[in-house]
């Protein structure tokens, strides 16, 4: 067993290091953070407009007016409908900082590059007419989730070219005494010209193809297949098995696997949110909300179930005290005290339920939604720290809250025999320590007069 663990560690640790230190994956991960708080705020207003309780509209309409629902949806549209713009700027900014160049200029240049490759037309059909017109406009279709993959690619490429030109010294040098902001502005002139020219040439070449623009090409041949692959039960299970193997070796599996998988989940979430906002049928089971609200409760390994078992059934002081300290953080999805305190890291006894419980959660939740027992997640962006039961109700109705409660109980059943093995082991160690302590003579307190 130990040889197998050593072999796994040799394979997974270098892989995690490569992924965890990759500048481009870090840029994508950190770049999305610029939009995350805005998406959560927008989701809050959308949630208020569609709060899942009966007669909610009848309660609010007398207070805010008959058009309050459309007004509440505006903040959501202002964030979700332009999420690609936010992602482009954030990714380029993050990569620019890592490449030691002007991060703000990197973000601005990436956004311009994205606009160059985006068709500035929207198809419009007048009322009572069948004729379709191409209207010059900023197409929200490509500013939202549909343009996300091209946005990520362009943000990385434009920033990399920008950095390469600067590092080669192809810049305008200003004399001493010129304000730093002016120096940076002129320093970026030639590199910006190079990047814009390259993007112009790419756009011109693509315009000669039957599809006419790069947005349609990327969406058809890259984004759609990737989303289809990511929106499968098999992909989710494989991702989570890797995630928990990384955690087993003390590596933050959520960061490593999430760097690759989360952009796909985010795009799927936005598709659901858009359908929910427009009153259409929600298309995707696998989303960011599915991952956050149904795969794990209390952090990686769904350790909230483990902690509840520890509190109720375990007798060793080590386990009971640790579980009491870890309960509140775990309710909000933070489980590092258990990961490193129990420990779960390099603990073969707990590895099986640690990987098994989230996998079972995923499978049961997937089929519960696929069979219509639980509604699909609505795409509402909640903080990942939202406690279970509440989170399920907000993203998928009361049925999801019931499912979450059942999964937590099922996780307790699976964890019970494994943690009891550890608890019995710790009890023996504590008893041996007490017996050893009792046998030792404390000469500082020993009364020699009684001899």
Protein backbone atom coordinates (compact mmCIF):
# COMPACT_ATOMS: atom_id res chain seq x y z
CA UNK A 1 0.00 0.00 0.00
CA UNK A 2 2.79 2.41 0.93
CA UNK A 3 4.57 1.75 -2.37
CA UNK A 4 1.37 2.55 -4.24
CA UNK A 5 0.94 5.80 -2.28
CA UNK A 6 4.54 6.78 -2.97
CA UNK A 7 4.03 6.09 -6.66
CA UNK A 8 0.86 8.20 -6.74
CA UNK A 9 2.63 11.03 -4.96
CA UNK A 10 5.47 10.99 -7.50
CA UNK A 11 2.93 11.22 -10.34
CA UNK A 12 0.48 13.75 -8.90
CA UNK A 13 2.79 16.20 -7.13
CA UNK A 14 4.77 17.25 -10.24
CA UNK A 15 1.51 17.45 -12.23
CA UNK A 16 -0.07 19.69 -9.61
CA UNK A 17 3.04 21.86 -9.56
CA UNK A 18 2.96 22.28 -13.34
CA UNK A 19 -0.72 23.24 -13.33
CA UNK A 20 -0.48 25.35 -10.19
CA UNK A 21 2.46 27.39 -11.51
CA UNK A 22 1.24 27.81 -15.08
CA UNK A 23 0.95 31.55 -15.71
CA UNK A 24 -1.87 31.21 -18.22
CA UNK A 25 -4.06 29.04 -16.00
CA UNK A 26 -3.38 31.35 -13.06
CA UNK A 27 -4.37 34.32 -15.22
CA UNK A 28 -7.66 32.66 -16.18
CA UNK A 29 -8.38 31.71 -12.57
CA UNK A 30 -7.55 35.13 -11.14
CA UNK A 31 -9.03 36.99 -14.08
CA UNK A 32 -12.49 35.66 -13.34
CA UNK A 33 -12.28 37.09 -9.83
CA UNK A 34 -12.90 40.58 -11.21
CA UNK A 35 -16.36 39.50 -12.33
CA UNK A 36 -17.25 37.19 -9.43
CA UNK A 37 -18.49 39.82 -6.94
CA UNK A 38 -20.40 41.61 -9.69
CA UNK A 39 -22.07 38.38 -10.80
CA UNK A 40 -23.04 37.56 -7.22
CA UNK A 41 -24.55 41.03 -6.74
CA UNK A 42 -26.41 40.76 -10.06
CA UNK A 43 -27.65 37.31 -9.04
CA UNK A 44 -28.97 38.74 -5.79
CA UNK A 45 -31.24 41.14 -7.68
CA UNK A 46 -32.32 38.40 -10.10
CA UNK A 47 -33.11 36.17 -7.13
CA UNK A 48 -35.28 38.89 -5.62
CA UNK A 49 -37.13 39.17 -8.91
CA UNK A 50 -37.76 35.41 -8.98
CA UNK A 51 -37.77 34.42 -5.32
CA UNK A 52 -38.98 30.80 -5.05
CA UNK A 53 -42.00 31.23 -2.79
CA UNK A 54 -45.70 31.31 -3.82
CA UNK A 55 -47.32 34.69 -4.53
CA UNK A 56 -44.00 36.53 -4.18
CA UNK A 57 -44.93 38.87 -7.04
CA UNK A 58 -48.28 39.71 -5.42
CA UNK A 59 -46.48 40.62 -2.21
CA UNK A 60 -43.92 42.95 -3.81
CA UNK A 61 -45.99 44.58 -6.57
CA UNK A 62 -48.00 46.86 -4.24
CA UNK A 63 -44.72 48.12 -2.76
CA UNK A 64 -42.48 48.61 -5.83
CA UNK A 65 -44.98 48.82 -8.68
CA UNK A 66 -46.08 46.52 -11.49
CA UNK A 67 -42.78 46.68 -13.44
CA UNK A 68 -40.58 45.85 -10.44
CA UNK A 69 -39.52 42.48 -11.90
CA UNK A 70 -38.00 44.02 -15.03
CA UNK A 71 -36.27 46.70 -12.94
CA UNK A 72 -34.81 44.05 -10.63
CA UNK A 73 -33.40 42.20 -13.64
CA UNK A 74 -31.36 45.19 -14.85
CA UNK A 75 -28.38 44.68 -12.46
CA UNK A 76 -28.24 41.02 -13.48
CA UNK A 77 -28.22 41.94 -17.18
CA UNK A 78 -25.60 44.63 -16.57
CA UNK A 79 -23.24 42.02 -15.12
CA UNK A 80 -24.03 38.71 -16.85
CA UNK A 81 -24.57 40.15 -20.32
CA UNK A 82 -21.06 41.69 -20.33
CA UNK A 83 -19.22 39.03 -18.35
CA UNK A 84 -16.83 38.32 -21.23
CA UNK A 85 -15.72 41.97 -21.24
CA UNK A 86 -14.96 41.71 -17.53
CA UNK A 87 -13.16 38.39 -18.01
CA UNK A 88 -11.01 39.71 -20.87
CA UNK A 89 -9.83 42.68 -18.84
CA UNK A 90 -9.28 40.60 -15.70
CA UNK A 91 -7.34 37.79 -17.43
CA UNK A 92 -5.12 40.19 -19.35
CA UNK A 93 -4.52 42.26 -16.21
CA UNK A 94 -3.51 39.16 -14.23
CA UNK A 95 -1.19 37.86 -16.95
CA UNK A 96 0.32 41.33 -17.43
CA UNK A 97 1.27 41.48 -13.76
CA UNK A 98 2.89 38.04 -13.97
CA UNK A 99 4.86 39.05 -17.08
CA UNK A 100 6.01 42.27 -15.36
CA UNK A 101 4.42 44.69 -17.83
CA UNK A 102 1.80 47.43 -17.48
CA UNK A 103 -1.23 45.43 -16.32
CA UNK A 104 -3.81 48.16 -16.96
CA UNK A 105 -2.56 48.66 -20.51
CA UNK A 106 -2.61 44.89 -21.02
CA UNK A 107 -6.28 44.76 -20.04
CA UNK A 108 -7.22 47.69 -22.28
CA UNK A 109 -5.33 46.27 -25.25
CA UNK A 110 -6.89 42.84 -24.81
CA UNK A 111 -10.35 44.41 -24.81
CA UNK A 112 -9.63 46.31 -28.02
CA UNK A 113 -8.27 43.11 -29.59
CA UNK A 114 -11.44 41.28 -28.60
CA UNK A 115 -13.60 44.00 -30.17
CA UNK A 116 -11.57 43.85 -33.39
CA UNK A 117 -12.40 40.16 -33.75
CA UNK A 118 -16.07 40.58 -32.80
CA UNK A 119 -18.68 41.43 -35.47
CA UNK A 120 -20.42 44.69 -34.54
CA UNK A 121 -23.79 43.66 -35.91
CA UNK A 122 -27.01 42.29 -34.47
CA UNK A 123 -29.71 40.66 -36.53
CA UNK A 124 -33.08 42.39 -36.19
CA UNK A 125 -36.48 41.44 -37.57
CA UNK A 126 -39.08 44.28 -37.48
CA UNK A 127 -42.52 43.56 -36.11
CA UNK A 128 -44.94 42.09 -38.67
CA UNK A 129 -42.05 41.43 -41.06
CA UNK A 130 -40.00 38.41 -42.11
CA UNK A 131 -37.02 40.38 -43.43
CA UNK A 132 -33.89 40.23 -41.30
CA UNK A 133 -31.63 43.29 -41.04
CA UNK A 134 -28.04 43.49 -39.81
CA UNK A 135 -27.98 46.44 -37.42
CA UNK A 136 -24.67 48.01 -36.39
CA UNK A 137 -24.43 47.57 -32.62
CA UNK A 138 -22.46 46.08 -29.75
CA UNK A 139 -23.71 42.47 -29.88
CA UNK A 140 -24.59 41.31 -26.37
CA UNK A 141 -24.56 37.74 -27.67
CA UNK A 142 -20.77 37.84 -27.83
CA UNK A 143 -20.34 39.98 -24.71
CA UNK A 144 -21.94 37.28 -22.55
CA UNK A 145 -21.19 33.58 -22.25
CA UNK A 146 -21.15 32.89 -26.01
CA UNK A 147 -17.98 34.93 -26.48
CA UNK A 148 -16.23 33.72 -23.34
CA UNK A 149 -13.78 31.26 -24.90
CA UNK A 150 -12.60 33.63 -27.61
CA UNK A 151 -12.28 36.31 -24.92
CA UNK A 152 -10.02 34.09 -22.82
CA UNK A 153 -7.88 33.14 -25.82
CA UNK A 154 -7.49 36.71 -27.05
CA UNK A 155 -6.69 38.03 -23.56
CA UNK A 156 -3.82 35.54 -23.26
CA UNK A 157 -2.48 35.96 -26.80
CA UNK A 158 -2.63 39.75 -26.96
CA UNK A 159 -0.96 40.12 -23.58
CA UNK A 160 1.77 37.63 -24.49
CA UNK A 161 2.54 39.46 -27.75
CA UNK A 162 2.46 42.80 -25.92
CA UNK A 163 4.97 41.51 -23.35
CA UNK A 164 7.23 39.97 -26.01
CA UNK A 165 7.53 43.26 -27.91
CA UNK A 166 8.23 45.22 -24.72
CA UNK A 167 10.86 42.76 -23.51
CA UNK A 168 12.62 43.01 -26.86
CA UNK A 169 12.98 46.72 -26.26
CA UNK A 170 10.82 47.81 -29.21
CA UNK A 171 9.49 50.84 -27.36
CA UNK A 172 9.73 54.61 -27.47
CA UNK A 173 12.19 55.86 -24.85
CA UNK A 174 11.28 59.12 -23.17
CA UNK A 175 13.88 61.49 -21.63
CA UNK A 176 14.33 61.75 -17.88
CA UNK A 177 11.97 64.04 -16.04
CA UNK A 178 8.88 62.97 -18.00
CA UNK A 179 6.03 61.89 -15.67
CA UNK A 180 5.81 58.09 -15.25
CA UNK A 181 2.26 57.91 -16.63
CA UNK A 182 3.43 59.61 -19.85
CA UNK A 183 6.43 57.28 -20.04
CA UNK A 184 4.18 54.23 -19.77
CA UNK A 185 1.80 55.60 -22.36
CA UNK A 186 4.53 56.11 -24.98
CA UNK A 187 6.25 52.86 -24.03
CA UNK A 188 3.05 50.99 -24.91
CA UNK A 189 2.58 52.72 -28.27
CA UNK A 190 4.65 50.47 -30.55
CA UNK A 191 3.71 47.18 -28.79
CA UNK A 192 0.03 48.17 -28.97
CA UNK A 193 0.38 48.93 -32.67
CA UNK A 194 1.93 45.49 -33.25
CA UNK A 195 -0.87 43.70 -31.37
CA UNK A 196 -3.67 45.65 -33.07
CA UNK A 197 -2.11 45.04 -36.49
CA UNK A 198 -1.89 41.30 -35.86
CA UNK A 199 -5.52 41.21 -34.73
CA UNK A 200 -6.55 43.21 -37.79
CA UNK A 201 -4.81 40.75 -40.11
CA UNK A 202 -6.42 37.78 -38.33
CA UNK A 203 -9.84 39.37 -38.64
CA UNK A 204 -9.28 40.13 -42.33
CA UNK A 205 -8.19 36.54 -43.07
CA UNK A 206 -11.13 35.09 -41.15
CA UNK A 207 -13.54 37.39 -43.02
CA UNK A 208 -12.55 35.57 -46.21
CA UNK A 209 -13.85 32.26 -44.85
CA UNK A 210 -17.49 31.11 -45.19
CA UNK A 211 -18.16 31.74 -41.49
CA UNK A 212 -17.00 35.33 -41.75
CA UNK A 213 -15.79 35.96 -38.19
CA UNK A 214 -13.71 34.32 -35.50
CA UNK A 215 -16.48 34.41 -32.91
CA UNK A 216 -18.62 31.97 -34.90
CA UNK A 217 -15.62 29.72 -35.62
CA UNK A 218 -14.53 29.47 -31.97
CA UNK A 219 -18.09 29.04 -30.74
CA UNK A 220 -18.87 26.29 -33.27
CA UNK A 221 -15.64 24.28 -33.24
CA UNK A 222 -14.23 24.86 -29.73
CA UNK A 223 -16.69 26.27 -27.20
CA UNK A 224 -19.70 24.13 -28.08
CA UNK A 225 -17.77 20.79 -28.03
CA UNK A 226 -16.02 21.73 -24.77
CA UNK A 227 -19.29 22.68 -23.10
CA UNK A 228 -20.88 19.47 -24.34
CA UNK A 229 -18.00 17.46 -22.91
CA UNK A 230 -18.02 19.36 -19.61
CA UNK A 231 -21.78 18.96 -19.28
CA UNK A 232 -21.51 15.19 -18.77
CA UNK A 233 -21.61 13.02 -15.69
CA UNK A 234 -18.40 11.24 -16.68
CA UNK A 235 -16.40 14.45 -16.96
CA UNK A 236 -17.61 15.62 -13.56
CA UNK A 237 -16.73 12.33 -11.88
CA UNK A 238 -13.24 12.21 -13.41
CA UNK A 239 -12.57 15.83 -12.41
CA UNK A 240 -13.62 15.15 -8.82
CA UNK A 241 -11.61 11.96 -8.49
CA UNK A 242 -8.50 13.90 -9.51
CA UNK A 243 -9.48 16.77 -7.21
CA UNK A 244 -9.64 14.51 -4.17
CA UNK A 245 -6.46 12.62 -5.01
CA UNK A 246 -4.65 15.96 -5.02
CA UNK A 247 -6.15 16.85 -1.63
CA UNK A 248 -5.00 13.48 -0.30
CA UNK A 249 -1.40 14.57 -0.87
CA UNK A 250 -1.94 17.98 0.72
CA UNK A 251 -2.36 19.81 -2.59
CA UNK A 252 -5.33 22.13 -3.00
CA UNK A 253 -7.21 20.01 -5.53
CA UNK A 254 -9.91 22.64 -6.00
CA UNK A 255 -7.36 25.12 -7.31
CA UNK A 256 -5.55 22.63 -9.54
CA UNK A 257 -8.59 21.00 -11.15
CA UNK A 258 -10.64 24.21 -11.04
CA UNK A 259 -8.07 26.05 -13.12
CA UNK A 260 -8.99 23.76 -16.04
CA UNK A 261 -12.62 22.84 -15.32
CA UNK A 262 -14.15 25.97 -13.80
CA UNK A 263 -14.23 28.10 -16.99
CA UNK A 264 -16.43 25.43 -18.60
CA UNK A 265 -18.70 25.27 -15.54
CA UNK A 266 -18.97 29.05 -15.44
CA UNK A 267 -20.10 29.20 -19.07
CA UNK A 268 -22.70 26.50 -18.42
CA UNK A 269 -23.94 28.41 -15.37
CA UNK A 270 -24.39 31.58 -17.39
CA UNK A 271 -26.43 29.67 -20.00
CA UNK A 272 -28.75 28.50 -17.21
CA UNK A 273 -28.99 31.97 -15.70
CA UNK A 274 -29.84 33.53 -19.06
CA UNK A 275 -32.56 30.96 -19.70
CA UNK A 276 -33.92 31.47 -16.18
CA UNK A 277 -33.93 35.26 -16.63
CA UNK A 278 -35.69 35.00 -19.99
CA UNK A 279 -38.25 32.46 -18.75
CA UNK A 280 -36.97 29.71 -21.07
CA UNK A 281 -36.27 26.06 -20.31
CA UNK A 282 -33.03 25.68 -18.34
CA UNK A 283 -30.59 23.60 -20.45
CA UNK A 284 -27.75 22.26 -18.26
CA UNK A 285 -27.47 19.89 -15.29
CA UNK A 286 -23.72 20.25 -14.78
CA UNK A 287 -22.91 23.83 -13.80
CA UNK A 288 -20.87 25.76 -11.28
CA UNK A 289 -23.84 25.72 -8.93
CA UNK A 290 -24.23 21.95 -9.34
CA UNK A 291 -20.60 21.58 -8.31
CA UNK A 292 -20.71 24.00 -5.38
CA UNK A 293 -24.11 23.07 -3.95
CA UNK A 294 -24.44 19.32 -4.54
CA UNK A 295 -21.02 17.67 -4.96
CA UNK A 296 -19.52 18.60 -1.61
CA UNK A 297 -20.93 19.86 1.67
CA UNK A 298 -18.47 21.47 4.02
CA UNK A 299 -15.57 21.50 1.56
CA UNK A 300 -13.63 18.86 -0.35
CA UNK A 301 -14.68 15.31 0.51
CA UNK A 302 -18.08 16.55 1.69
CA UNK A 303 -16.58 16.56 5.18
CA UNK A 304 -19.61 18.15 6.85
CA UNK A 305 -21.01 14.60 7.02
CA UNK A 306 -17.75 13.41 8.56
CA UNK A 307 -17.75 16.15 11.21
CA UNK A 308 -21.34 15.42 12.26
CA UNK A 309 -20.45 11.74 12.69
CA UNK A 310 -17.39 12.71 14.72
CA UNK A 311 -19.48 14.89 17.05
CA UNK A 312 -22.26 12.33 17.58
CA UNK A 313 -20.47 8.98 17.64
CA UNK A 314 -16.74 9.43 18.33
CA UNK A 315 -15.33 9.20 21.89
CA UNK A 316 -11.64 10.08 21.67
CA UNK A 317 -10.81 13.56 22.93
CA UNK A 318 -8.71 14.32 19.87
CA UNK A 319 -11.54 13.63 17.45
CA UNK A 320 -14.29 15.25 19.52
CA UNK A 321 -12.40 18.50 20.14
CA UNK A 322 -11.32 18.73 16.51
CA UNK A 323 -14.88 18.16 15.29
CA UNK A 324 -16.29 20.81 17.63
CA UNK A 325 -13.74 23.36 16.41
CA UNK A 326 -14.36 22.46 12.76
CA UNK A 327 -18.16 22.40 12.68
CA UNK A 328 -18.89 26.10 12.14
CA UNK A 329 -16.21 26.63 9.44
CA UNK A 330 -17.42 23.47 7.70
CA UNK A 331 -21.01 24.72 7.54
CA UNK A 332 -19.62 27.57 5.44
CA UNK A 333 -17.50 25.29 3.23
CA UNK A 334 -14.12 25.67 4.98
CA UNK A 335 -12.57 22.36 5.98
CA UNK A 336 -8.79 22.87 6.21
CA UNK A 337 -8.91 22.09 10.00
CA UNK A 338 -10.19 18.60 9.20
CA UNK A 339 -7.99 18.12 6.12
CA UNK A 340 -4.79 18.77 8.05
CA UNK A 341 -5.92 18.22 11.65
CA UNK A 342 -7.56 14.78 11.55
CA UNK A 343 -5.62 14.35 9.21
CA UNK A 344 -7.03 13.39 5.84
CA UNK A 345 -3.76 14.15 4.06
CA UNK A 346 -1.83 10.91 3.46
CA UNK A 347 -4.39 8.98 5.52
CA UNK A 348 -5.31 5.80 3.59
CA UNK A 349 -8.14 4.97 6.03
CA UNK A 350 -10.12 8.08 5.08
CA UNK A 351 -9.12 8.22 1.38
CA UNK A 352 -11.91 5.85 0.27
CA UNK A 353 -14.89 7.76 1.76
CA UNK A 354 -13.18 11.08 1.08
CA UNK A 355 -13.32 10.39 -2.67
CA UNK A 356 -16.42 8.17 -2.62
CA UNK A 357 -18.91 10.49 -0.87
CA UNK A 358 -18.60 13.41 -3.38
CA UNK A 359 -18.75 10.95 -6.28
CA UNK A 360 -21.99 9.44 -4.96
CA UNK A 361 -23.36 12.94 -4.34
CA UNK A 362 -22.67 13.85 -7.97
CA UNK A 363 -24.27 10.70 -9.36
CA UNK A 364 -27.42 10.91 -7.21
CA UNK A 365 -27.86 14.66 -7.82
CA UNK A 366 -27.36 14.24 -11.55
CA UNK A 367 -30.03 11.57 -11.92
CA UNK A 368 -32.39 13.38 -9.50
CA UNK A 369 -32.30 16.32 -11.90
CA UNK A 370 -32.26 14.21 -15.05
CA UNK A 371 -35.40 12.35 -13.90
CA UNK A 372 -37.18 15.58 -12.98
CA UNK A 373 -37.24 14.98 -9.23
CA UNK A 374 -35.18 18.11 -8.55
CA UNK A 375 -35.22 21.20 -10.84
CA UNK A 376 -32.06 22.17 -12.70
CA UNK A 377 -29.98 24.88 -11.04
CA UNK A 378 -31.10 28.35 -12.12
CA UNK A 379 -27.62 29.81 -12.61
CA UNK A 380 -27.94 32.23 -9.69
CA UNK A 381 -24.42 33.01 -8.49
CA UNK A 382 -24.21 32.40 -4.73
CA UNK A 383 -21.04 32.70 -2.63
CA UNK A 384 -19.46 29.26 -2.27
CA UNK A 385 -19.69 29.76 1.51
CA UNK A 386 -23.53 29.66 1.43
CA UNK A 387 -24.60 26.87 3.86
CA UNK A 388 -26.36 23.78 2.49
CA UNK A 389 -30.16 23.60 2.65
CA UNK A 390 -30.26 27.40 2.15
CA UNK A 391 -28.12 27.16 -1.00
CA UNK A 392 -30.23 24.34 -2.43
CA UNK A 393 -33.45 26.28 -1.91
CA UNK A 394 -32.08 29.40 -3.61
CA UNK A 395 -30.62 27.70 -6.70
CA UNK A 396 -33.08 24.86 -7.23
CA UNK A 397 -36.10 25.07 -4.91
CA UNK A 398 -37.20 23.13 -1.84
CA UNK A 399 -36.62 19.80 -3.59
CA UNK A 400 -32.90 20.58 -3.69
CA UNK A 401 -32.87 21.36 0.04
CA UNK A 402 -34.38 17.95 0.75
CA UNK A 403 -31.82 16.32 -1.56
CA UNK A 404 -28.96 18.10 0.19
CA UNK A 405 -30.18 16.93 3.59
CA UNK A 406 -30.47 13.32 2.37
CA UNK A 407 -26.99 13.42 0.83
CA UNK A 408 -25.49 14.73 4.06
CA UNK A 409 -27.09 11.84 5.95
CA UNK A 410 -25.91 9.34 3.32
CA UNK A 411 -22.40 10.76 3.65
CA UNK A 412 -22.59 10.20 7.41
CA UNK A 413 -23.45 6.53 6.84
CA UNK A 414 -20.49 6.07 4.47
CA UNK A 415 -18.00 7.89 6.71
CA UNK A 416 -19.10 6.17 9.95
CA UNK A 417 -17.15 2.84 9.78
CA UNK A 418 -13.96 4.55 8.60
CA UNK A 419 -13.87 7.29 11.23
CA UNK A 420 -14.74 4.75 13.94
CA UNK A 421 -11.59 2.83 13.02
CA UNK A 422 -9.56 6.01 13.53
CA UNK A 423 -11.49 6.91 16.69
CA UNK A 424 -10.77 3.52 18.25
CA UNK A 425 -7.11 3.90 17.34
CA UNK A 426 -6.95 7.35 18.97
CA UNK A 427 -8.78 6.03 22.06
CA UNK A 428 -6.14 3.33 22.51
CA UNK A 429 -3.37 5.89 22.12
CA UNK A 430 -5.00 8.20 24.67
CA UNK A 431 -5.48 5.34 27.13
CA UNK A 432 -1.86 4.24 26.72
CA UNK A 433 -0.71 7.82 27.27
CA UNK A 434 -2.78 8.08 30.48
CA UNK A 435 -1.42 4.79 31.79
CA UNK A 436 2.13 5.83 31.01
CA UNK A 437 1.59 9.17 32.74
CA UNK A 438 0.19 7.44 35.83
CA UNK A 439 3.26 5.20 36.07
CA UNK A 440 5.68 8.14 36.04
CA UNK A 441 6.73 9.59 39.41
CA UNK A 442 6.74 13.37 39.80
CA UNK A 443 9.74 14.04 42.10
CA UNK A 444 8.79 17.71 42.45
CA UNK A 445 5.63 16.82 44.42
CA UNK A 446 6.80 13.55 46.04
CA UNK A 447 6.70 13.69 49.88
CA UNK A 448 9.81 11.85 51.17
CA UNK A 449 8.65 12.28 54.80
CA UNK A 450 5.93 9.71 54.22
CA UNK A 451 8.49 6.97 53.48
